[in-house]
């Protein structure tokens, strides 16, 4: 009986608290309208990208040519030294070996 009195006394309170309904459409972010670009705008964008690309190619090419010019003398000197070393190697081993063979054949 006491339990039924408690249930009956809380029943009006439960009925009074109704849930507050919310509109979830208010929380959804509406997409921004897409404004299509005209052909002229697209071409100008592409032209800017191409101009930047060509400028980068020119800058990289000029840096490469400058480095080549800067180290040209040193590269030529190294190449001459390598050729001299190779010539000395041929003179010491190959020609001396041929002379030794000729001396062995004649004696």
C-alpha atoms as a PDB file:
ATOM      1  CA  UNK A   1       0.000   0.000   0.000  1.00  0.00           C
ATOM      2  CA  UNK A   2       2.824   2.345   0.828  1.00  0.00           C
ATOM      3  CA  UNK A   3       4.490   1.483  -2.452  1.00  0.00           C
ATOM      4  CA  UNK A   4       1.338   2.272  -4.382  1.00  0.00           C
ATOM      5  CA  UNK A   5       1.103   5.655  -2.611  1.00  0.00           C
ATOM      6  CA  UNK A   6       4.669   6.508  -3.628  1.00  0.00           C
ATOM      7  CA  UNK A   7       3.976   5.491  -7.211  1.00  0.00           C
ATOM      8  CA  UNK A   8       0.814   7.552  -7.286  1.00  0.00           C
ATOM      9  CA  UNK A   9       2.516  10.586  -5.716  1.00  0.00           C
ATOM     10  CA  UNK A  10       5.374  10.583  -8.308  1.00  0.00           C
ATOM     11  CA  UNK A  11       3.101   9.895 -11.239  1.00  0.00           C
ATOM     12  CA  UNK A  12       2.049  13.542 -11.767  1.00  0.00           C
ATOM     13  CA  UNK A  13       5.703  14.623 -11.650  1.00  0.00           C
ATOM     14  CA  UNK A  14       6.656  12.091 -14.302  1.00  0.00           C
ATOM     15  CA  UNK A  15       3.788  13.207 -16.496  1.00  0.00           C
ATOM     16  CA  UNK A  16       4.751  16.888 -16.078  1.00  0.00           C
ATOM     17  CA  UNK A  17       8.343  16.418 -17.320  1.00  0.00           C
ATOM     18  CA  UNK A  18       7.918  16.078 -21.012  1.00  0.00           C
ATOM     19  CA  UNK A  19      10.988  15.907 -23.193  1.00  0.00           C
ATOM     20  CA  UNK A  20      11.903  19.025 -25.072  1.00  0.00           C
ATOM     21  CA  UNK A  21      11.994  18.231 -28.728  1.00  0.00           C
ATOM     22  CA  UNK A  22      14.705  19.883 -30.808  1.00  0.00           C
ATOM     23  CA  UNK A  23      14.911  20.472 -34.490  1.00  0.00           C
ATOM     24  CA  UNK A  24      18.131  18.789 -35.617  1.00  0.00           C
ATOM     25  CA  UNK A  25      17.977  20.600 -38.945  1.00  0.00           C
ATOM     26  CA  UNK A  26      19.264  23.670 -37.092  1.00  0.00           C
ATOM     27  CA  UNK A  27      22.525  21.834 -36.289  1.00  0.00           C
ATOM     28  CA  UNK A  28      23.206  20.657 -39.838  1.00  0.00           C
ATOM     29  CA  UNK A  29      25.683  22.877 -41.658  1.00  0.00           C
ATOM     30  CA  UNK A  30      24.178  24.016 -44.881  1.00  0.00           C
ATOM     31  CA  UNK A  31      26.495  23.713 -47.868  1.00  0.00           C
ATOM     32  CA  UNK A  32      27.678  26.927 -49.418  1.00  0.00           C
ATOM     33  CA  UNK A  33      26.416  27.569 -52.897  1.00  0.00           C
ATOM     34  CA  UNK A  34      28.968  26.676 -55.565  1.00  0.00           C
ATOM     35  CA  UNK A  35      29.646  29.506 -57.947  1.00  0.00           C
ATOM     36  CA  UNK A  36      30.954  28.061 -61.217  1.00  0.00           C
ATOM     37  CA  UNK A  37      33.973  29.768 -62.729  1.00  0.00           C
ATOM     38  CA  UNK A  38      33.806  31.187 -66.175  1.00  0.00           C
ATOM     39  CA  UNK A  39      36.148  30.034 -68.941  1.00  0.00           C
ATOM     40  CA  UNK A  40      38.164  33.226 -68.660  1.00  0.00           C
ATOM     41  CA  UNK A  41      38.764  32.713 -64.927  1.00  0.00           C
ATOM     42  CA  UNK A  42      39.836  29.100 -65.488  1.00  0.00           C
ATOM     43  CA  UNK A  43      42.224  30.151 -68.273  1.00  0.00           C
ATOM     44  CA  UNK A  44      43.781  32.876 -66.130  1.00  0.00           C
ATOM     45  CA  UNK A  45      44.345  30.371 -63.308  1.00  0.00           C
ATOM     46  CA  UNK A  46      45.988  27.924 -65.705  1.00  0.00           C
ATOM     47  CA  UNK A  47      48.105  30.711 -67.212  1.00  0.00           C
ATOM     48  CA  UNK A  48      49.407  31.685 -63.776  1.00  0.00           C
ATOM     49  CA  UNK A  49      50.388  28.087 -63.012  1.00  0.00           C
ATOM     50  CA  UNK A  50      52.110  27.718 -66.379  1.00  0.00           C
ATOM     51  CA  UNK A  51      53.971  30.999 -65.934  1.00  0.00           C
ATOM     52  CA  UNK A  52      55.208  29.922 -62.513  1.00  0.00           C
ATOM     53  CA  UNK A  53      56.291  26.545 -63.908  1.00  0.00           C
ATOM     54  CA  UNK A  54      58.196  28.122 -66.802  1.00  0.00           C
ATOM     55  CA  UNK A  55      59.853  30.578 -64.422  1.00  0.00           C
ATOM     56  CA  UNK A  56      60.994  27.697 -62.183  1.00  0.00           C
ATOM     57  CA  UNK A  57      62.428  25.826 -65.174  1.00  0.00           C
ATOM     58  CA  UNK A  58      64.336  28.935 -66.275  1.00  0.00           C
ATOM     59  CA  UNK A  59      65.701  29.553 -62.774  1.00  0.00           C
ATOM     60  CA  UNK A  60      66.805  25.926 -62.306  1.00  0.00           C
ATOM     61  CA  UNK A  61      68.394  25.896 -65.781  1.00  0.00           C
ATOM     62  CA  UNK A  62      70.296  29.113 -65.134  1.00  0.00           C
ATOM     63  CA  UNK A  63      71.576  27.789 -61.791  1.00  0.00           C
ATOM     64  CA  UNK A  64      72.751  24.610 -63.527  1.00  0.00           C
ATOM     65  CA  UNK A  65      74.551  26.590 -66.262  1.00  0.00           C
ATOM     66  CA  UNK A  66      76.209  28.853 -63.684  1.00  0.00           C
ATOM     67  CA  UNK A  67      77.462  25.862 -61.691  1.00  0.00           C
ATOM     68  CA  UNK A  68      78.835  24.323 -64.887  1.00  0.00           C
ATOM     69  CA  UNK A  69      80.624  27.539 -65.797  1.00  0.00           C
ATOM     70  CA  UNK A  70      81.961  27.991 -62.268  1.00  0.00           C
ATOM     71  CA  UNK A  71      83.559  24.527 -62.039  1.00  0.00           C
ATOM     72  CA  UNK A  72      84.587  24.201 -65.710  1.00  0.00           C
ATOM     73  CA  UNK A  73      88.313  24.844 -65.150  1.00  0.00           C
ATOM     74  CA  UNK A  74      88.509  22.426 -62.241  1.00  0.00           C
ATOM     75  CA  UNK A  75      86.696  19.728 -64.220  1.00  0.00           C
ATOM     76  CA  UNK A  76      89.062  20.186 -67.177  1.00  0.00           C
ATOM     77  CA  UNK A  77      92.076  19.937 -64.850  1.00  0.00           C
ATOM     78  CA  UNK A  78      90.773  16.717 -63.292  1.00  0.00           C
ATOM     79  CA  UNK A  79      90.119  15.251 -66.730  1.00  0.00           C
ATOM     80  CA  UNK A  80      93.658  16.074 -67.894  1.00  0.00           C
ATOM     81  CA  UNK A  81      95.107  14.444 -64.762  1.00  0.00           C
ATOM     82  CA  UNK A  82      93.084  11.286 -65.383  1.00  0.00           C
ATOM     83  CA  UNK A  83      94.285  11.133 -68.992  1.00  0.00           C
ATOM     84  CA  UNK A  84      97.913  11.566 -67.864  1.00  0.00           C
ATOM     85  CA  UNK A  85      97.529   8.789 -65.295  1.00  0.00           C
ATOM     86  CA  UNK A  86      96.016   6.487 -67.906  1.00  0.00           C
ATOM     87  CA  UNK A  87      98.816   7.323 -70.357  1.00  0.00           C
ATOM     88  CA  UNK A  88     101.444   6.577 -67.712  1.00  0.00           C
ATOM     89  CA  UNK A  89      99.730   3.293 -66.922  1.00  0.00           C
ATOM     90  CA  UNK A  90      99.777   2.281 -70.587  1.00  0.00           C
ATOM     91  CA  UNK A  91     103.420   3.281 -70.951  1.00  0.00           C
ATOM     92  CA  UNK A  92     104.523   1.411 -67.844  1.00  0.00           C
ATOM     93  CA  UNK A  93     102.633  -1.836 -68.248  1.00  0.00           C
ATOM     94  CA  UNK A  94     101.326  -2.334 -71.752  1.00  0.00           C
ATOM     95  CA  UNK A  95     104.255  -1.010 -73.795  1.00  0.00           C
ATOM     96  CA  UNK A  96     106.845  -2.511 -71.443  1.00  0.00           C
ATOM     97  CA  UNK A  97     105.035  -5.829 -71.693  1.00  0.00           C
ATOM     98  CA  UNK A  98     105.088  -5.645 -75.498  1.00  0.00           C
ATOM     99  CA  UNK A  99     108.807  -4.861 -75.473  1.00  0.00           C
ATOM    100  CA  UNK A 100     109.466  -7.766 -73.158  1.00  0.00           C
ATOM    101  CA  UNK A 101     107.569 -10.127 -75.455  1.00  0.00           C
ATOM    102  CA  UNK A 102     109.508  -8.901 -78.471  1.00  0.00           C
ATOM    103  CA  UNK A 103     112.786  -9.442 -76.630  1.00  0.00           C
ATOM    104  CA  UNK A 104     111.712 -12.960 -75.667  1.00  0.00           C
ATOM    105  CA  UNK A 105     110.726 -13.783 -79.247  1.00  0.00           C
ATOM    106  CA  UNK A 106     113.990 -12.528 -80.733  1.00  0.00           C
ATOM    107  CA  UNK A 107     116.248 -14.337 -78.297  1.00  0.00           C
END
